[in-house]
Amino acid sequence: GVVIRPPLRVDFGWNIRVGDRSFANFGLVALDVAPI
């Protein structure tokens, strides 16, 4: 049930973990050099 509305910006992506039913509106920047 995770919803992340584009645009989304990441450094890598694989260092991000998102729990059930979480929602991110437009324009999330998640710079995941370390875990998020």
PDB file of all heavy atoms in Angstrom:
ATOM      1  N   GLY A   1       0.778  -1.225   0.000  1.00  0.00           N
ATOM      2  CA  GLY A   1       0.000   0.000   0.000  1.00  0.00           C
ATOM      3  C   GLY A   1       0.811   1.277   0.000  1.00  0.00           C
ATOM      4  O   GLY A   1       0.274   2.356   0.253  1.00  0.00           O
ATOM      5  N   VAL A   2       2.098   1.200  -0.305  1.00  0.00           N
ATOM      6  CA  VAL A   2       2.951   2.395  -0.344  1.00  0.00           C
ATOM      7  C   VAL A   2       2.638   3.195  -1.614  1.00  0.00           C
ATOM      8  O   VAL A   2       2.532   2.631  -2.697  1.00  0.00           O
ATOM      9  CB  VAL A   2       4.444   2.014  -0.314  1.00  0.00           C
ATOM     10  CG1 VAL A   2       5.336   3.205  -0.644  1.00  0.00           C
ATOM     11  CG2 VAL A   2       4.802   1.432   1.044  1.00  0.00           C
ATOM     12  N   VAL A   3       2.494   4.503  -1.451  1.00  0.00           N
ATOM     13  CA  VAL A   3       2.284   5.404  -2.579  1.00  0.00           C
ATOM     14  C   VAL A   3       3.318   6.518  -2.491  1.00  0.00           C
ATOM     15  O   VAL A   3       3.415   7.204  -1.464  1.00  0.00           O
ATOM     16  CB  VAL A   3       0.861   6.006  -2.579  1.00  0.00           C
ATOM     17  CG1 VAL A   3       0.707   7.057  -3.668  1.00  0.00           C
ATOM     18  CG2 VAL A   3      -0.186   4.918  -2.708  1.00  0.00           C
ATOM     19  N   ILE A   4       4.090   6.676  -3.551  1.00  0.00           N
ATOM     20  CA  ILE A   4       5.037   7.790  -3.671  1.00  0.00           C
ATOM     21  C   ILE A   4       4.739   8.464  -4.998  1.00  0.00           C
ATOM     22  O   ILE A   4       4.925   7.874  -6.062  1.00  0.00           O
ATOM     23  CB  ILE A   4       6.507   7.314  -3.611  1.00  0.00           C
ATOM     24  CG1 ILE A   4       6.775   6.617  -2.273  1.00  0.00           C
ATOM     25  CG2 ILE A   4       7.449   8.502  -3.823  1.00  0.00           C
ATOM     26  CD1 ILE A   4       8.170   6.026  -2.159  1.00  0.00           C
ATOM     27  N   ARG A   5       4.248   9.693  -4.930  1.00  0.00           N
ATOM     28  CA  ARG A   5       3.874  10.418  -6.146  1.00  0.00           C
ATOM     29  C   ARG A   5       5.113  11.032  -6.790  1.00  0.00           C
ATOM     30  O   ARG A   5       5.897  11.682  -6.115  1.00  0.00           O
ATOM     31  CB  ARG A   5       2.857  11.501  -5.809  1.00  0.00           C
ATOM     32  CG  ARG A   5       1.562  10.902  -5.235  1.00  0.00           C
ATOM     33  CD  ARG A   5       0.593  11.958  -4.812  1.00  0.00           C
ATOM     34  NE  ARG A   5      -0.130  12.416  -5.998  1.00  0.00           N
ATOM     35  CZ  ARG A   5      -1.049  13.369  -5.965  1.00  0.00           C
ATOM     36  NH1 ARG A   5      -1.341  13.989  -4.832  1.00  0.00           N
ATOM     37  NH2 ARG A   5      -1.672  13.724  -7.072  1.00  0.00           N
ATOM     38  N   PRO A   6       5.292  10.815  -8.100  1.00  0.00           N
ATOM     39  CA  PRO A   6       6.434  11.417  -8.791  1.00  0.00           C
ATOM     40  C   PRO A   6       6.325  12.939  -8.796  1.00  0.00           C
ATOM     41  O   PRO A   6       5.218  13.460  -8.706  1.00  0.00           O
ATOM     42  CB  PRO A   6       6.315  10.867 -10.216  1.00  0.00           C
ATOM     43  CG  PRO A   6       5.420   9.687 -10.128  1.00  0.00           C
ATOM     44  CD  PRO A   6       4.506   9.948  -8.967  1.00  0.00           C
ATOM     45  N   PRO A   7       7.436  13.639  -8.921  1.00  0.00           N
ATOM     46  CA  PRO A   7       8.770  13.107  -9.117  1.00  0.00           C
ATOM     47  C   PRO A   7       9.416  12.667  -7.809  1.00  0.00           C
ATOM     48  O   PRO A   7       9.153  13.235  -6.742  1.00  0.00           O
ATOM     49  CB  PRO A   7       9.534  14.269  -9.732  1.00  0.00           C
ATOM     50  CG  PRO A   7       8.867  15.489  -9.171  1.00  0.00           C
ATOM     51  CD  PRO A   7       7.415  15.106  -9.022  1.00  0.00           C
ATOM     52  N   LEU A   8      10.254  11.657  -7.924  1.00  0.00           N
ATOM     53  CA  LEU A   8      11.038  11.115  -6.821  1.00  0.00           C
ATOM     54  C   LEU A   8      12.505  11.216  -7.214  1.00  0.00           C
ATOM     55  O   LEU A   8      12.864  10.898  -8.344  1.00  0.00           O
ATOM     56  CB  LEU A   8      10.651   9.648  -6.591  1.00  0.00           C
ATOM     57  CG  LEU A   8      11.555   8.825  -5.668  1.00  0.00           C
ATOM     58  CD1 LEU A   8      11.525   9.378  -4.235  1.00  0.00           C
ATOM     59  CD2 LEU A   8      11.124   7.359  -5.692  1.00  0.00           C
ATOM     60  N   ARG A   9      13.344  11.647  -6.274  1.00  0.00           N
ATOM     61  CA  ARG A   9      14.785  11.738  -6.509  1.00  0.00           C
ATOM     62  C   ARG A   9      15.514  10.952  -5.421  1.00  0.00           C
ATOM     63  O   ARG A   9      15.201  11.099  -4.235  1.00  0.00           O
ATOM     64  CB  ARG A   9      15.269  13.193  -6.466  1.00  0.00           C
ATOM     65  CG  ARG A   9      14.623  14.076  -7.496  1.00  0.00           C
ATOM     66  CD  ARG A   9      15.223  13.833  -8.863  1.00  0.00           C
ATOM     67  NE  ARG A   9      14.664  14.740  -9.838  1.00  0.00           N
ATOM     68  CZ  ARG A   9      14.096  14.345 -10.966  1.00  0.00           C
ATOM     69  NH1 ARG A   9      14.010  13.072 -11.254  1.00  0.00           N
ATOM     70  NH2 ARG A   9      13.614  15.218 -11.817  1.00  0.00           N
ATOM     71  N   VAL A  10      16.471  10.118  -5.829  1.00  0.00           N
ATOM     72  CA  VAL A  10      17.267   9.320  -4.906  1.00  0.00           C
ATOM     73  C   VAL A  10      18.728   9.353  -5.355  1.00  0.00           C
ATOM     74  O   VAL A  10      19.014   9.640  -6.517  1.00  0.00           O
ATOM     75  CB  VAL A  10      16.778   7.851  -4.842  1.00  0.00           C
ATOM     76  CG1 VAL A  10      15.326   7.771  -4.385  1.00  0.00           C
ATOM     77  CG2 VAL A  10      16.952   7.129  -6.174  1.00  0.00           C
ATOM     78  N   ASP A  11      19.639   9.022  -4.438  1.00  0.00           N
ATOM     79  CA  ASP A  11      21.026   8.810  -4.842  1.00  0.00           C
ATOM     80  C   ASP A  11      21.195   7.417  -5.420  1.00  0.00           C
ATOM     81  O   ASP A  11      21.800   7.243  -6.467  1.00  0.00           O
ATOM     82  CB  ASP A  11      21.986   8.984  -3.659  1.00  0.00           C
ATOM     83  CG  ASP A  11      22.467  10.411  -3.499  1.00  0.00           C
ATOM     84  OD1 ASP A  11      22.618  11.117  -4.509  1.00  0.00           O
ATOM     85  OD2 ASP A  11      22.707  10.815  -2.345  1.00  0.00           O
ATOM     86  N   PHE A  12      20.675   6.409  -4.723  1.00  0.00           N
ATOM     87  CA  PHE A  12      20.821   5.021  -5.143  1.00  0.00           C
ATOM     88  C   PHE A  12      19.491   4.277  -5.172  1.00  0.00           C
ATOM     89  O   PHE A  12      19.229   3.494  -6.055  1.00  0.00           O
ATOM     90  CB  PHE A  12      21.802   4.268  -4.240  1.00  0.00           C
ATOM     91  CG  PHE A  12      23.159   4.905  -4.195  1.00  0.00           C
ATOM     92  CD1 PHE A  12      23.626   5.503  -3.048  1.00  0.00           C
ATOM     93  CD2 PHE A  12      23.968   4.923  -5.324  1.00  0.00           C
ATOM     94  CE1 PHE A  12      24.872   6.105  -3.009  1.00  0.00           C
ATOM     95  CE2 PHE A  12      25.219   5.526  -5.302  1.00  0.00           C
ATOM     96  CZ  PHE A  12      25.673   6.119  -4.133  1.00  0.00           C
ATOM     97  N   GLY A  13      18.660   4.470  -4.171  1.00  0.00           N
ATOM     98  CA  GLY A  13      17.379   3.776  -4.081  1.00  0.00           C
ATOM     99  C   GLY A  13      17.440   2.547  -3.214  1.00  0.00           C
ATOM    100  O   GLY A  13      16.604   2.347  -2.338  1.00  0.00           O
ATOM    101  N   TRP A  14      18.452   1.710  -3.407  1.00  0.00           N
ATOM    102  CA  TRP A  14      18.530   0.447  -2.672  1.00  0.00           C
ATOM    103  C   TRP A  14      18.791   0.628  -1.184  1.00  0.00           C
ATOM    104  O   TRP A  14      18.694  -0.320  -0.420  1.00  0.00           O
ATOM    105  CB  TRP A  14      19.574  -0.487  -3.295  1.00  0.00           C
ATOM    106  CG  TRP A  14      20.905   0.127  -3.622  1.00  0.00           C
ATOM    107  CD1 TRP A  14      21.339   0.494  -4.862  1.00  0.00           C
ATOM    108  CD2 TRP A  14      21.967   0.433  -2.727  1.00  0.00           C
ATOM    109  NE1 TRP A  14      22.610   1.014  -4.784  1.00  0.00           N
ATOM    110  CE2 TRP A  14      23.022   0.985  -3.484  1.00  0.00           C
ATOM    111  CE3 TRP A  14      22.137   0.300  -1.347  1.00  0.00           C
ATOM    112  CZ2 TRP A  14      24.214   1.397  -2.920  1.00  0.00           C
ATOM    113  CZ3 TRP A  14      23.329   0.727  -0.783  1.00  0.00           C
ATOM    114  CH2 TRP A  14      24.342   1.259  -1.557  1.00  0.00           C
ATOM    115  N   ASN A  15      19.079   1.822  -0.735  1.00  0.00           N
ATOM    116  CA  ASN A  15      19.348   2.096   0.671  1.00  0.00           C
ATOM    117  C   ASN A  15      18.124   2.714   1.369  1.00  0.00           C
ATOM    118  O   ASN A  15      18.264   3.318   2.429  1.00  0.00           O
ATOM    119  CB  ASN A  15      20.559   3.027   0.789  1.00  0.00           C
ATOM    120  CG  ASN A  15      21.571   2.555   1.801  1.00  0.00           C
ATOM    121  OD1 ASN A  15      21.383   1.550   2.481  1.00  0.00           O
ATOM    122  ND2 ASN A  15      22.650   3.297   1.919  1.00  0.00           N
ATOM    123  N   ILE A  16      16.941   2.558   0.757  1.00  0.00           N
ATOM    124  CA  ILE A  16      15.691   3.120   1.293  1.00  0.00           C
ATOM    125  C   ILE A  16      14.726   1.979   1.595  1.00  0.00           C
ATOM    126  O   ILE A  16      14.515   1.102   0.765  1.00  0.00           O
ATOM    127  CB  ILE A  16      15.040   4.092   0.285  1.00  0.00           C
ATOM    128  CG1 ILE A  16      15.986   5.248  -0.039  1.00  0.00           C
ATOM    129  CG2 ILE A  16      13.696   4.597   0.825  1.00  0.00           C
ATOM    130  CD1 ILE A  16      15.532   6.116  -1.198  1.00  0.00           C
ATOM    131  N   ARG A  17      14.135   2.024   2.791  1.00  0.00           N
ATOM    132  CA  ARG A  17      13.122   1.046   3.196  1.00  0.00           C
ATOM    133  C   ARG A  17      11.875   1.823   3.618  1.00  0.00           C
ATOM    134  O   ARG A  17      11.976   2.749   4.420  1.00  0.00           O
ATOM    135  CB  ARG A  17      13.627   0.184   4.345  1.00  0.00           C
ATOM    136  CG  ARG A  17      14.969  -0.489   4.039  1.00  0.00           C
ATOM    137  CD  ARG A  17      15.511  -1.283   5.212  1.00  0.00           C
ATOM    138  NE  ARG A  17      14.737  -2.460   5.489  1.00  0.00           N
ATOM    139  CZ  ARG A  17      14.811  -3.597   4.797  1.00  0.00           C
ATOM    140  NH1 ARG A  17      15.635  -3.674   3.768  1.00  0.00           N
ATOM    141  NH2 ARG A  17      14.074  -4.638   5.120  1.00  0.00           N
ATOM    142  N   VAL A  18      10.716   1.432   3.069  1.00  0.00           N
ATOM    143  CA  VAL A  18       9.460   2.139   3.343  1.00  0.00           C
ATOM    144  C   VAL A  18       8.448   1.136   3.869  1.00  0.00           C
ATOM    145  O   VAL A  18       8.181   0.113   3.232  1.00  0.00           O
ATOM    146  CB  VAL A  18       8.913   2.822   2.067  1.00  0.00           C
ATOM    147  CG1 VAL A  18       7.665   3.629   2.400  1.00  0.00           C
ATOM    148  CG2 VAL A  18       9.970   3.704   1.420  1.00  0.00           C
ATOM    149  N   GLY A  19       7.832   1.452   5.020  1.00  0.00           N
ATOM    150  CA  GLY A  19       6.859   0.571   5.648  1.00  0.00           C
ATOM    151  C   GLY A  19       5.479   0.648   5.018  1.00  0.00           C
ATOM    152  O   GLY A  19       5.172   1.568   4.245  1.00  0.00           O
ATOM    153  N   ASP A  20       4.645  -0.323   5.367  1.00  0.00           N
ATOM    154  CA  ASP A  20       3.286  -0.450   4.835  1.00  0.00           C
ATOM    155  C   ASP A  20       2.494   0.856   4.955  1.00  0.00           C
ATOM    156  O   ASP A  20       2.598   1.569   5.952  1.00  0.00           O
ATOM    157  CB  ASP A  20       2.515  -1.535   5.598  1.00  0.00           C
ATOM    158  CG  ASP A  20       3.077  -2.930   5.388  1.00  0.00           C
ATOM    159  OD1 ASP A  20       3.771  -3.164   4.385  1.00  0.00           O
ATOM    160  OD2 ASP A  20       2.801  -3.795   6.251  1.00  0.00           O
ATOM    161  N   ARG A  21       1.710   1.104   3.909  1.00  0.00           N
ATOM    162  CA  ARG A  21       0.716   2.179   3.873  1.00  0.00           C
ATOM    163  C   ARG A  21       1.306   3.584   4.008  1.00  0.00           C
ATOM    164  O   ARG A  21       0.594   4.533   4.308  1.00  0.00           O
ATOM    165  CB  ARG A  21      -0.371   1.967   4.935  1.00  0.00           C
ATOM    166  CG  ARG A  21      -1.138   0.658   4.783  1.00  0.00           C
ATOM    167  CD  ARG A  21      -2.016   0.352   5.977  1.00  0.00           C
ATOM    168  NE  ARG A  21      -1.282   0.353   7.240  1.00  0.00           N
ATOM    169  CZ  ARG A  21      -0.531  -0.673   7.689  1.00  0.00           C
ATOM    170  NH1 ARG A  21      -0.410  -1.761   6.978  1.00  0.00           N
ATOM    171  NH2 ARG A  21       0.089  -0.585   8.853  1.00  0.00           N
ATOM    172  N   SER A  22       2.572   3.739   3.767  1.00  0.00           N
ATOM    173  CA  SER A  22       3.170   5.077   3.822  1.00  0.00           C
ATOM    174  C   SER A  22       2.903   5.807   2.510  1.00  0.00           C
ATOM    175  O   SER A  22       2.773   5.197   1.456  1.00  0.00           O
ATOM    176  CB  SER A  22       4.665   5.002   4.113  1.00  0.00           C
ATOM    177  OG  SER A  22       4.855   4.631   5.459  1.00  0.00           O
ATOM    178  N   PHE A  23       2.827   7.132   2.603  1.00  0.00           N
ATOM    179  CA  PHE A  23       2.487   7.979   1.463  1.00  0.00           C
ATOM    180  C   PHE A  23       3.463   9.140   1.395  1.00  0.00           C
ATOM    181  O   PHE A  23       3.732   9.797   2.410  1.00  0.00           O
ATOM    182  CB  PHE A  23       1.067   8.528   1.623  1.00  0.00           C
ATOM    183  CG  PHE A  23       0.708   9.573   0.603  1.00  0.00           C
ATOM    184  CD1 PHE A  23       0.272   9.204  -0.666  1.00  0.00           C
ATOM    185  CD2 PHE A  23       0.808  10.923   0.902  1.00  0.00           C
ATOM    186  CE1 PHE A  23      -0.060  10.168  -1.620  1.00  0.00           C
ATOM    187  CE2 PHE A  23       0.484  11.896  -0.038  1.00  0.00           C
ATOM    188  CZ  PHE A  23       0.048  11.508  -1.306  1.00  0.00           C
ATOM    189  N   ALA A  24       3.985   9.411   0.200  1.00  0.00           N
ATOM    190  CA  ALA A  24       4.818  10.594  -0.030  1.00  0.00           C
ATOM    191  C   ALA A  24       4.234  11.370  -1.194  1.00  0.00           C
ATOM    192  O   ALA A  24       4.015  10.821  -2.276  1.00  0.00           O
ATOM    193  CB  ALA A  24       6.254  10.200  -0.323  1.00  0.00           C
ATOM    194  N   ASN A  25       3.979  12.639  -0.975  1.00  0.00           N
ATOM    195  CA  ASN A  25       3.434  13.502  -2.010  1.00  0.00           C
ATOM    196  C   ASN A  25       4.549  13.900  -2.984  1.00  0.00           C
ATOM    197  O   ASN A  25       5.691  13.483  -2.850  1.00  0.00           O
ATOM    198  CB  ASN A  25       2.763  14.722  -1.375  1.00  0.00           C
ATOM    199  CG  ASN A  25       1.549  15.169  -2.149  1.00  0.00           C
ATOM    200  OD1 ASN A  25       1.528  15.128  -3.367  1.00  0.00           O
ATOM    201  ND2 ASN A  25       0.526  15.610  -1.429  1.00  0.00           N
ATOM    202  N   PHE A  26       4.212  14.743  -3.954  1.00  0.00           N
ATOM    203  CA  PHE A  26       5.127  15.133  -5.023  1.00  0.00           C
ATOM    204  C   PHE A  26       6.461  15.654  -4.499  1.00  0.00           C
ATOM    205  O   PHE A  26       6.510  16.384  -3.523  1.00  0.00           O
ATOM    206  CB  PHE A  26       4.507  16.253  -5.873  1.00  0.00           C
ATOM    207  CG  PHE A  26       3.188  15.910  -6.465  1.00  0.00           C
ATOM    208  CD1 PHE A  26       2.027  16.526  -5.998  1.00  0.00           C
ATOM    209  CD2 PHE A  26       3.069  14.975  -7.484  1.00  0.00           C
ATOM    210  CE1 PHE A  26       0.793  16.229  -6.550  1.00  0.00           C
ATOM    211  CE2 PHE A  26       1.842  14.664  -8.038  1.00  0.00           C
ATOM    212  CZ  PHE A  26       0.698  15.293  -7.564  1.00  0.00           C
ATOM    213  N   GLY A  27       7.536  15.276  -5.187  1.00  0.00           N
ATOM    214  CA  GLY A  27       8.822  15.931  -4.983  1.00  0.00           C
ATOM    215  C   GLY A  27       9.668  15.421  -3.845  1.00  0.00           C
ATOM    216  O   GLY A  27      10.535  16.158  -3.368  1.00  0.00           O
ATOM    217  N   LEU A  28       9.491  14.166  -3.423  1.00  0.00           N
ATOM    218  CA  LEU A  28      10.347  13.629  -2.366  1.00  0.00           C
ATOM    219  C   LEU A  28      11.779  13.499  -2.886  1.00  0.00           C
ATOM    220  O   LEU A  28      12.027  12.935  -3.949  1.00  0.00           O
ATOM    221  CB  LEU A  28       9.846  12.252  -1.904  1.00  0.00           C
ATOM    222  CG  LEU A  28      10.729  11.526  -0.896  1.00  0.00           C
ATOM    223  CD1 LEU A  28      10.851  12.315   0.411  1.00  0.00           C
ATOM    224  CD2 LEU A  28      10.199  10.119  -0.634  1.00  0.00           C
ATOM    225  N   VAL A  29      12.726  14.032  -2.100  1.00  0.00           N
ATOM    226  CA  VAL A  29      14.148  13.851  -2.356  1.00  0.00           C
ATOM    227  C   VAL A  29      14.683  13.021  -1.195  1.00  0.00           C
ATOM    228  O   VAL A  29      14.640  13.459  -0.040  1.00  0.00           O
ATOM    229  CB  VAL A  29      14.895  15.204  -2.439  1.00  0.00           C
ATOM    230  CG1 VAL A  29      16.399  14.983  -2.556  1.00  0.00           C
ATOM    231  CG2 VAL A  29      14.371  16.031  -3.599  1.00  0.00           C
ATOM    232  N   ALA A  30      15.152  11.806  -1.499  1.00  0.00           N
ATOM    233  CA  ALA A  30      15.659  10.897  -0.468  1.00  0.00           C
ATOM    234  C   ALA A  30      17.077  10.497  -0.860  1.00  0.00           C
ATOM    235  O   ALA A  30      17.285   9.541  -1.608  1.00  0.00           O
ATOM    236  CB  ALA A  30      14.748   9.680  -0.344  1.00  0.00           C
ATOM    237  N   LEU A  31      18.049  11.261  -0.376  1.00  0.00           N
ATOM    238  CA  LEU A  31      19.444  11.019  -0.734  1.00  0.00           C
ATOM    239  C   LEU A  31      20.000   9.953   0.204  1.00  0.00           C
ATOM    240  O   LEU A  31      20.380  10.229   1.333  1.00  0.00           O
ATOM    241  CB  LEU A  31      20.249  12.317  -0.675  1.00  0.00           C
ATOM    242  CG  LEU A  31      19.747  13.428  -1.602  1.00  0.00           C
ATOM    243  CD1 LEU A  31      20.695  14.616  -1.569  1.00  0.00           C
ATOM    244  CD2 LEU A  31      19.534  12.930  -3.023  1.00  0.00           C
ATOM    245  N   ASP A  32      20.035   8.729  -0.316  1.00  0.00           N
ATOM    246  CA  ASP A  32      20.281   7.538   0.493  1.00  0.00           C
ATOM    247  C   ASP A  32      21.705   7.018   0.403  1.00  0.00           C
ATOM    248  O   ASP A  32      21.936   5.837   0.184  1.00  0.00           O
ATOM    249  CB  ASP A  32      19.285   6.444   0.111  1.00  0.00           C
ATOM    250  CG  ASP A  32      19.372   6.022  -1.351  1.00  0.00           C
ATOM    251  OD1 ASP A  32      19.521   6.891  -2.233  1.00  0.00           O
ATOM    252  OD2 ASP A  32      19.278   4.814  -1.620  1.00  0.00           O
ATOM    253  N   VAL A  33      22.685   7.882   0.642  1.00  0.00           N
ATOM    254  CA  VAL A  33      24.060   7.427   0.736  1.00  0.00           C
ATOM    255  C   VAL A  33      24.194   6.521   1.961  1.00  0.00           C
ATOM    256  O   VAL A  33      24.863   5.497   1.924  1.00  0.00           O
ATOM    257  CB  VAL A  33      25.035   8.617   0.794  1.00  0.00           C
ATOM    258  CG1 VAL A  33      26.456   8.157   1.043  1.00  0.00           C
ATOM    259  CG2 VAL A  33      24.951   9.419  -0.510  1.00  0.00           C
ATOM    260  N   ALA A  34      23.531   6.865   3.054  1.00  0.00           N
ATOM    261  CA  ALA A  34      23.365   6.005   4.227  1.00  0.00           C
ATOM    262  C   ALA A  34      21.895   5.553   4.223  1.00  0.00           C
ATOM    263  O   ALA A  34      21.057   6.132   3.522  1.00  0.00           O
ATOM    264  CB  ALA A  34      23.692   6.774   5.508  1.00  0.00           C
ATOM    265  N   PRO A  35      21.569   4.524   5.007  1.00  0.00           N
ATOM    266  CA  PRO A  35      20.188   4.028   5.006  1.00  0.00           C
ATOM    267  C   PRO A  35      19.164   5.084   5.422  1.00  0.00           C
ATOM    268  O   PRO A  35      19.405   5.897   6.319  1.00  0.00           O
ATOM    269  CB  PRO A  35      20.220   2.891   6.030  1.00  0.00           C
ATOM    270  CG  PRO A  35      21.640   2.440   6.046  1.00  0.00           C
ATOM    271  CD  PRO A  35      22.456   3.697   5.826  1.00  0.00           C
ATOM    272  N   ILE A  36      18.024   5.033   4.734  1.00  0.00           N
ATOM    273  CA  ILE A  36      16.841   5.809   5.115  1.00  0.00           C
ATOM    274  C   ILE A  36      15.748   4.778   5.401  1.00  0.00           C
ATOM    275  O   ILE A  36      15.390   3.993   4.519  1.00  0.00           O
ATOM    276  CB  ILE A  36      16.384   6.766   4.001  1.00  0.00           C
ATOM    277  CG1 ILE A  36      17.443   7.833   3.742  1.00  0.00           C
ATOM    278  CG2 ILE A  36      15.036   7.401   4.361  1.00  0.00           C
ATOM    279  CD1 ILE A  36      17.142   8.754   2.557  1.00  0.00           C
TER     280      ILE A  36
END
